[in-house]
C-alpha atoms as a PDB file:
ATOM      1  CA  UNK A   1     -68.800  81.832   3.638  1.00  0.00           C
ATOM      2  CA  UNK A   2     -66.323  79.041   4.608  1.00  0.00           C
ATOM      3  CA  UNK A   3     -65.475  78.611   8.214  1.00  0.00           C
ATOM      4  CA  UNK A   4     -61.975  77.631   9.335  1.00  0.00           C
ATOM      5  CA  UNK A   5     -61.500  74.138  10.767  1.00  0.00           C
ATOM      6  CA  UNK A   6     -60.893  74.209  14.496  1.00  0.00           C
ATOM      7  CA  UNK A   7     -58.131  71.608  13.995  1.00  0.00           C
ATOM      8  CA  UNK A   8     -56.139  72.500  10.918  1.00  0.00           C
ATOM      9  CA  UNK A   9     -54.308  69.480   9.259  1.00  0.00           C
ATOM     10  CA  UNK A  10     -50.615  69.306  10.135  1.00  0.00           C
ATOM     11  CA  UNK A  11     -48.239  68.486   7.248  1.00  0.00           C
ATOM     12  CA  UNK A  12     -44.918  66.734   7.982  1.00  0.00           C
ATOM     13  CA  UNK A  13     -41.921  68.915   7.927  1.00  0.00           C
ATOM     14  CA  UNK A  14     -39.217  68.548   5.288  1.00  0.00           C
ATOM     15  CA  UNK A  15     -36.801  67.136   7.907  1.00  0.00           C
ATOM     16  CA  UNK A  16     -39.204  64.351   8.860  1.00  0.00           C
ATOM     17  CA  UNK A  17     -39.852  63.514   5.185  1.00  0.00           C
ATOM     18  CA  UNK A  18     -36.106  63.321   4.466  1.00  0.00           C
ATOM     19  CA  UNK A  19     -35.423  61.074   7.476  1.00  0.00           C
ATOM     20  CA  UNK A  20     -38.194  58.711   6.431  1.00  0.00           C
ATOM     21  CA  UNK A  21     -36.780  58.490   2.908  1.00  0.00           C
ATOM     22  CA  UNK A  22     -33.315  57.658   4.210  1.00  0.00           C
ATOM     23  CA  UNK A  23     -34.656  54.898   6.482  1.00  0.00           C
ATOM     24  CA  UNK A  24     -36.619  53.327   3.635  1.00  0.00           C
ATOM     25  CA  UNK A  25     -33.591  53.481   1.345  1.00  0.00           C
ATOM     26  CA  UNK A  26     -31.298  51.833   3.915  1.00  0.00           C
ATOM     27  CA  UNK A  27     -33.816  49.069   4.582  1.00  0.00           C
ATOM     28  CA  UNK A  28     -34.229  48.431   0.872  1.00  0.00           C
ATOM     29  CA  UNK A  29     -30.455  48.324   0.357  1.00  0.00           C
ATOM     30  CA  UNK A  30     -30.040  45.879   3.245  1.00  0.00           C
ATOM     31  CA  UNK A  31     -32.712  43.615   1.827  1.00  0.00           C
ATOM     32  CA  UNK A  32     -31.122  43.719  -1.613  1.00  0.00           C
ATOM     33  CA  UNK A  33     -27.732  42.937  -0.142  1.00  0.00           C
ATOM     34  CA  UNK A  34     -29.074  39.889   1.663  1.00  0.00           C
ATOM     35  CA  UNK A  35     -30.093  38.322  -1.630  1.00  0.00           C
ATOM     36  CA  UNK A  36     -27.077  39.504  -3.594  1.00  0.00           C
ATOM     37  CA  UNK A  37     -28.773  42.247  -5.589  1.00  0.00           C
ATOM     38  CA  UNK A  38     -26.626  45.163  -4.495  1.00  0.00           C
ATOM     39  CA  UNK A  39     -25.559  47.040  -7.625  1.00  0.00           C
ATOM     40  CA  UNK A  40     -21.928  47.696  -8.460  1.00  0.00           C
ATOM     41  CA  UNK A  41     -20.469  51.042  -7.599  1.00  0.00           C
ATOM     42  CA  UNK A  42     -20.048  53.620 -10.313  1.00  0.00           C
ATOM     43  CA  UNK A  43     -16.315  52.778 -10.597  1.00  0.00           C
ATOM     44  CA  UNK A  44     -17.143  49.137 -11.319  1.00  0.00           C
ATOM     45  CA  UNK A  45     -16.067  47.622  -7.989  1.00  0.00           C
ATOM     46  CA  UNK A  46     -18.317  45.207  -6.159  1.00  0.00           C
ATOM     47  CA  UNK A  47     -19.460  46.319  -2.701  1.00  0.00           C
ATOM     48  CA  UNK A  48     -18.390  44.223   0.264  1.00  0.00           C
ATOM     49  CA  UNK A  49     -20.839  41.509   1.276  1.00  0.00           C
ATOM     50  CA  UNK A  50     -21.721  40.727   4.845  1.00  0.00           C
ATOM     51  CA  UNK A  51     -22.484  37.071   4.063  1.00  0.00           C
ATOM     52  CA  UNK A  52     -21.498  34.501   1.461  1.00  0.00           C
ATOM     53  CA  UNK A  53     -22.886  31.078   0.631  1.00  0.00           C
ATOM     54  CA  UNK A  54     -20.434  28.189   1.135  1.00  0.00           C
ATOM     55  CA  UNK A  55     -21.408  26.940  -2.303  1.00  0.00           C
ATOM     56  CA  UNK A  56     -19.851  30.109  -3.757  1.00  0.00           C
ATOM     57  CA  UNK A  57     -16.451  29.286  -2.279  1.00  0.00           C
ATOM     58  CA  UNK A  58     -13.757  27.205  -4.017  1.00  0.00           C
ATOM     59  CA  UNK A  59     -13.654  23.513  -3.172  1.00  0.00           C
ATOM     60  CA  UNK A  60     -11.788  23.257   0.103  1.00  0.00           C
ATOM     61  CA  UNK A  61      -9.848  20.028   0.336  1.00  0.00           C
ATOM     62  CA  UNK A  62      -6.530  18.415  -0.398  1.00  0.00           C
ATOM     63  CA  UNK A  63      -4.295  19.888  -3.028  1.00  0.00           C
ATOM     64  CA  UNK A  64      -5.232  18.308  -6.349  1.00  0.00           C
ATOM     65  CA  UNK A  65      -2.633  15.879  -7.588  1.00  0.00           C
ATOM     66  CA  UNK A  66      -1.553  16.479 -11.153  1.00  0.00           C
ATOM     67  CA  UNK A  67       0.241  13.659 -12.867  1.00  0.00           C
ATOM     68  CA  UNK A  68       2.951  15.222 -14.940  1.00  0.00           C
ATOM     69  CA  UNK A  69       4.015  13.128 -17.882  1.00  0.00           C
ATOM     70  CA  UNK A  70       7.323  11.490 -17.218  1.00  0.00           C
ATOM     71  CA  UNK A  71       9.917  12.546 -19.730  1.00  0.00           C
ATOM     72  CA  UNK A  72      11.314   9.807 -21.938  1.00  0.00           C
ATOM     73  CA  UNK A  73      14.953  10.038 -20.930  1.00  0.00           C
ATOM     74  CA  UNK A  74      16.264   7.545 -23.456  1.00  0.00           C
ATOM     75  CA  UNK A  75      19.650   6.943 -21.814  1.00  0.00           C
ATOM     76  CA  UNK A  76      21.794   4.097 -23.113  1.00  0.00           C
ATOM     77  CA  UNK A  77      23.164   1.717 -20.464  1.00  0.00           C
ATOM     78  CA  UNK A  78      26.942   1.839 -20.333  1.00  0.00           C
ATOM     79  CA  UNK A  79      27.659  -0.446 -17.382  1.00  0.00           C
ATOM     80  CA  UNK A  80      26.033  -3.286 -15.446  1.00  0.00           C
ATOM     81  CA  UNK A  81      26.832  -4.079 -11.808  1.00  0.00           C
ATOM     82  CA  UNK A  82      25.709  -6.506  -9.104  1.00  0.00           C
ATOM     83  CA  UNK A  83      27.711  -6.775  -5.910  1.00  0.00           C
ATOM     84  CA  UNK A  84      25.988 -10.058  -5.081  1.00  0.00           C
ATOM     85  CA  UNK A  85      27.869 -11.880  -7.868  1.00  0.00           C
ATOM     86  CA  UNK A  86      30.822  -9.468  -8.274  1.00  0.00           C
ATOM     87  CA  UNK A  87      29.516  -8.359 -11.659  1.00  0.00           C
ATOM     88  CA  UNK A  88      30.891  -5.083 -12.998  1.00  0.00           C
ATOM     89  CA  UNK A  89      31.142  -4.840 -16.787  1.00  0.00           C
ATOM     90  CA  UNK A  90      30.633  -2.333 -19.610  1.00  0.00           C
ATOM     91  CA  UNK A  91      27.509  -2.662 -21.762  1.00  0.00           C
ATOM     92  CA  UNK A  92      27.579  -2.170 -25.532  1.00  0.00           C
ATOM     93  CA  UNK A  93      24.711  -0.745 -27.549  1.00  0.00           C
ATOM     94  CA  UNK A  94      23.785  -2.634 -30.694  1.00  0.00           C
ATOM     95  CA  UNK A  95      22.393  -1.085 -33.848  1.00  0.00           C
ATOM     96  CA  UNK A  96      21.741  -4.389 -35.611  1.00  0.00           C
ATOM     97  CA  UNK A  97      19.733  -7.616 -35.367  1.00  0.00           C
ATOM     98  CA  UNK A  98      22.235  -9.587 -37.408  1.00  0.00           C
ATOM     99  CA  UNK A  99      23.315 -12.655 -35.428  1.00  0.00           C
ATOM    100  CA  UNK A 100      26.859 -12.742 -36.791  1.00  0.00           C
ATOM    101  CA  UNK A 101      27.441  -9.090 -35.938  1.00  0.00           C
ATOM    102  CA  UNK A 102      25.986  -9.551 -32.464  1.00  0.00           C
ATOM    103  CA  UNK A 103      28.252 -12.539 -31.874  1.00  0.00           C
ATOM    104  CA  UNK A 104      31.257 -10.381 -32.724  1.00  0.00           C
ATOM    105  CA  UNK A 105      30.083  -7.690 -30.299  1.00  0.00           C
ATOM    106  CA  UNK A 106      29.653 -10.242 -27.500  1.00  0.00           C
ATOM    107  CA  UNK A 107      33.404 -10.902 -27.602  1.00  0.00           C
ATOM    108  CA  UNK A 108      33.797  -7.449 -26.028  1.00  0.00           C
ATOM    109  CA  UNK A 109      31.118  -7.858 -23.377  1.00  0.00           C
ATOM    110  CA  UNK A 110      27.353  -7.763 -22.766  1.00  0.00           C
ATOM    111  CA  UNK A 111      25.142  -6.165 -25.418  1.00  0.00           C
ATOM    112  CA  UNK A 112      21.842  -4.277 -25.243  1.00  0.00           C
ATOM    113  CA  UNK A 113      19.388  -5.456 -27.893  1.00  0.00           C
ATOM    114  CA  UNK A 114      18.553  -2.753 -30.430  1.00  0.00           C
ATOM    115  CA  UNK A 115      14.744  -2.949 -30.134  1.00  0.00           C
ATOM    116  CA  UNK A 116      14.641  -2.949 -26.338  1.00  0.00           C
ATOM    117  CA  UNK A 117      14.022   0.053 -24.104  1.00  0.00           C
ATOM    118  CA  UNK A 118      16.644   2.534 -23.031  1.00  0.00           C
ATOM    119  CA  UNK A 119      17.104   3.579 -19.427  1.00  0.00           C
ATOM    120  CA  UNK A 120      14.318   5.869 -18.275  1.00  0.00           C
ATOM    121  CA  UNK A 121      11.917   4.729 -20.969  1.00  0.00           C
ATOM    122  CA  UNK A 122       8.854   2.579 -20.466  1.00  0.00           C
ATOM    123  CA  UNK A 123       9.511  -0.973 -21.506  1.00  0.00           C
ATOM    124  CA  UNK A 124      12.078  -3.738 -21.177  1.00  0.00           C
ATOM    125  CA  UNK A 125      15.848  -3.264 -21.305  1.00  0.00           C
ATOM    126  CA  UNK A 126      17.188  -6.503 -22.822  1.00  0.00           C
ATOM    127  CA  UNK A 127      20.863  -7.298 -22.288  1.00  0.00           C
ATOM    128  CA  UNK A 128      22.574 -10.560 -23.183  1.00  0.00           C
ATOM    129  CA  UNK A 129      26.058 -11.897 -22.546  1.00  0.00           C
ATOM    130  CA  UNK A 130      28.150 -15.046 -22.799  1.00  0.00           C
ATOM    131  CA  UNK A 131      28.521 -17.792 -20.221  1.00  0.00           C
ATOM    132  CA  UNK A 132      31.095 -20.584 -20.345  1.00  0.00           C
ATOM    133  CA  UNK A 133      31.872 -23.477 -18.058  1.00  0.00           C
ATOM    134  CA  UNK A 134      35.176 -24.305 -19.745  1.00  0.00           C
ATOM    135  CA  UNK A 135      38.046 -24.465 -17.238  1.00  0.00           C
ATOM    136  CA  UNK A 136      40.265 -22.265 -19.372  1.00  0.00           C
ATOM    137  CA  UNK A 137      38.915 -19.280 -21.283  1.00  0.00           C
ATOM    138  CA  UNK A 138      41.303 -16.823 -22.918  1.00  0.00           C
ATOM    139  CA  UNK A 139      38.680 -14.142 -23.485  1.00  0.00           C
ATOM    140  CA  UNK A 140      37.051 -13.489 -20.108  1.00  0.00           C
ATOM    141  CA  UNK A 141      34.017 -11.924 -21.797  1.00  0.00           C
ATOM    142  CA  UNK A 142      32.925 -15.471 -22.621  1.00  0.00           C
ATOM    143  CA  UNK A 143      32.309 -15.754 -18.876  1.00  0.00           C
ATOM    144  CA  UNK A 144      30.651 -12.333 -18.538  1.00  0.00           C
ATOM    145  CA  UNK A 145      27.295 -13.649 -17.277  1.00  0.00           C
ATOM    146  CA  UNK A 146      28.533 -16.884 -15.706  1.00  0.00           C
ATOM    147  CA  UNK A 147      27.097 -16.032 -12.302  1.00  0.00           C
ATOM    148  CA  UNK A 148      23.850 -14.403 -13.397  1.00  0.00           C
ATOM    149  CA  UNK A 149      21.924 -17.667 -12.697  1.00  0.00           C
ATOM    150  CA  UNK A 150      23.054 -17.419  -9.051  1.00  0.00           C
ATOM    151  CA  UNK A 151      20.939 -14.292  -8.495  1.00  0.00           C
ATOM    152  CA  UNK A 152      17.736 -14.772  -6.557  1.00  0.00           C
ATOM    153  CA  UNK A 153      14.495 -12.874  -6.073  1.00  0.00           C
ATOM    154  CA  UNK A 154      15.184  -9.643  -4.191  1.00  0.00           C
ATOM    155  CA  UNK A 155      18.801  -9.271  -5.324  1.00  0.00           C
ATOM    156  CA  UNK A 156      19.654  -6.015  -7.057  1.00  0.00           C
ATOM    157  CA  UNK A 157      21.231  -5.141 -10.388  1.00  0.00           C
ATOM    158  CA  UNK A 158      22.387  -1.633 -11.265  1.00  0.00           C
ATOM    159  CA  UNK A 159      22.640  -0.183 -14.755  1.00  0.00           C
ATOM    160  CA  UNK A 160      24.621   3.005 -15.271  1.00  0.00           C
ATOM    161  CA  UNK A 161      23.970   5.529 -18.015  1.00  0.00           C
ATOM    162  CA  UNK A 162      23.859   9.258 -18.577  1.00  0.00           C
ATOM    163  CA  UNK A 163      25.472   9.936 -15.215  1.00  0.00           C
ATOM    164  CA  UNK A 164      22.682   8.131 -13.344  1.00  0.00           C
ATOM    165  CA  UNK A 165      22.187   4.729 -11.751  1.00  0.00           C
ATOM    166  CA  UNK A 166      19.047   2.659 -12.366  1.00  0.00           C
ATOM    167  CA  UNK A 167      18.473  -0.014  -9.738  1.00  0.00           C
ATOM    168  CA  UNK A 168      16.452  -3.140 -10.513  1.00  0.00           C
ATOM    169  CA  UNK A 169      15.198  -5.884  -8.213  1.00  0.00           C
ATOM    170  CA  UNK A 170      15.327  -9.474  -9.443  1.00  0.00           C
ATOM    171  CA  UNK A 171      11.903 -11.096  -9.769  1.00  0.00           C
ATOM    172  CA  UNK A 172      12.807 -14.449 -11.315  1.00  0.00           C
ATOM    173  CA  UNK A 173      15.554 -16.530 -12.896  1.00  0.00           C
ATOM    174  CA  UNK A 174      14.422 -19.438 -15.045  1.00  0.00           C
ATOM    175  CA  UNK A 175      15.622 -21.878 -17.682  1.00  0.00           C
ATOM    176  CA  UNK A 176      14.175 -21.429 -21.167  1.00  0.00           C
ATOM    177  CA  UNK A 177      14.560 -23.244 -24.482  1.00  0.00           C
ATOM    178  CA  UNK A 178      15.758 -20.736 -27.073  1.00  0.00           C
ATOM    179  CA  UNK A 179      13.525 -22.356 -29.683  1.00  0.00           C
ATOM    180  CA  UNK A 180      10.415 -21.752 -27.576  1.00  0.00           C
ATOM    181  CA  UNK A 181      11.104 -18.779 -25.319  1.00  0.00           C
ATOM    182  CA  UNK A 182       9.939 -15.236 -26.121  1.00  0.00           C
ATOM    183  CA  UNK A 183      11.135 -11.957 -24.575  1.00  0.00           C
ATOM    184  CA  UNK A 184       8.411  -9.350 -24.072  1.00  0.00           C
ATOM    185  CA  UNK A 185       9.576  -5.963 -25.407  1.00  0.00           C
ATOM    186  CA  UNK A 186       6.245  -4.158 -24.937  1.00  0.00           C
ATOM    187  CA  UNK A 187       6.281  -0.613 -23.557  1.00  0.00           C
ATOM    188  CA  UNK A 188       4.778  -1.554 -20.205  1.00  0.00           C
ATOM    189  CA  UNK A 189       6.468  -0.879 -16.881  1.00  0.00           C
ATOM    190  CA  UNK A 190      10.203  -0.446 -16.365  1.00  0.00           C
ATOM    191  CA  UNK A 191      11.846  -3.835 -16.666  1.00  0.00           C
ATOM    192  CA  UNK A 192      15.203  -5.470 -17.205  1.00  0.00           C
ATOM    193  CA  UNK A 193      15.843  -8.867 -18.792  1.00  0.00           C
ATOM    194  CA  UNK A 194      19.215 -10.622 -18.864  1.00  0.00           C
ATOM    195  CA  UNK A 195      19.791 -13.624 -21.120  1.00  0.00           C
ATOM    196  CA  UNK A 196      22.757 -15.966 -21.142  1.00  0.00           C
ATOM    197  CA  UNK A 197      23.571 -19.551 -22.153  1.00  0.00           C
ATOM    198  CA  UNK A 198      23.037 -22.627 -20.015  1.00  0.00           C
ATOM    199  CA  UNK A 199      26.036 -24.460 -21.442  1.00  0.00           C
ATOM    200  CA  UNK A 200      25.699 -27.461 -19.131  1.00  0.00           C
ATOM    201  CA  UNK A 201      22.189 -28.275 -20.381  1.00  0.00           C
ATOM    202  CA  UNK A 202      22.377 -27.883 -24.142  1.00  0.00           C
ATOM    203  CA  UNK A 203      23.015 -25.637 -27.102  1.00  0.00           C
ATOM    204  CA  UNK A 204      19.525 -24.078 -27.093  1.00  0.00           C
ATOM    205  CA  UNK A 205      19.267 -23.806 -23.289  1.00  0.00           C
ATOM    206  CA  UNK A 206      19.158 -20.298 -21.837  1.00  0.00           C
ATOM    207  CA  UNK A 207      18.891 -18.624 -18.464  1.00  0.00           C
ATOM    208  CA  UNK A 208      16.465 -15.706 -18.440  1.00  0.00           C
ATOM    209  CA  UNK A 209      16.505 -13.244 -15.543  1.00  0.00           C
ATOM    210  CA  UNK A 210      13.666 -10.765 -15.124  1.00  0.00           C
ATOM    211  CA  UNK A 211      13.843  -7.689 -12.893  1.00  0.00           C
ATOM    212  CA  UNK A 212      11.863  -4.500 -12.215  1.00  0.00           C
ATOM    213  CA  UNK A 213      13.073  -0.939 -11.729  1.00  0.00           C
ATOM    214  CA  UNK A 214      12.894   0.231  -8.110  1.00  0.00           C
ATOM    215  CA  UNK A 215      14.628   3.595  -8.404  1.00  0.00           C
ATOM    216  CA  UNK A 216      17.099   5.833 -10.181  1.00  0.00           C
ATOM    217  CA  UNK A 217      19.675   8.191  -8.700  1.00  0.00           C
END
């Protein structure tokens, strides 16, 4: 015959068991959250996090600079001006390399060379015009660039075209022999070259002015 234990074993109540389960669950969830293992909610949203690693944030610094490609405007120069030498003349656009045809055009004023850059494009805008030291000239366009050699480094020249003004700063003015000199028409930078005769020196003598674009308005 079994005898009853004087101290019967006490079993935990359902309330205590439930409370213990909840505590364990909360602790487990907190631990999972600390290492980023909290599961998504049923509706697919991510639960809020109490901490975040800096490495998970976007790079925090200056706004990145994006270099947008400059559009090739391709505007033909229609006028050339320089207040320093009282120059203000229309510019013609040539479509030929023929010397005889270019000579005819020069009677009406300075001419842009066909293979040179247009305003707003990378490269060298090449414009040439007559000079004459004769005391009497019936066609004043033979004296169009008479004073170009007077320009000095730092002086400005403005080309107009397409409703805008392109301002260039003179870098150099030099004498060149036409039989030896070469004009660079490569697509580098934004440059302007003016060429005219040095009639006092000789038939093949030229003045070549080189300038760089400083702004357009």
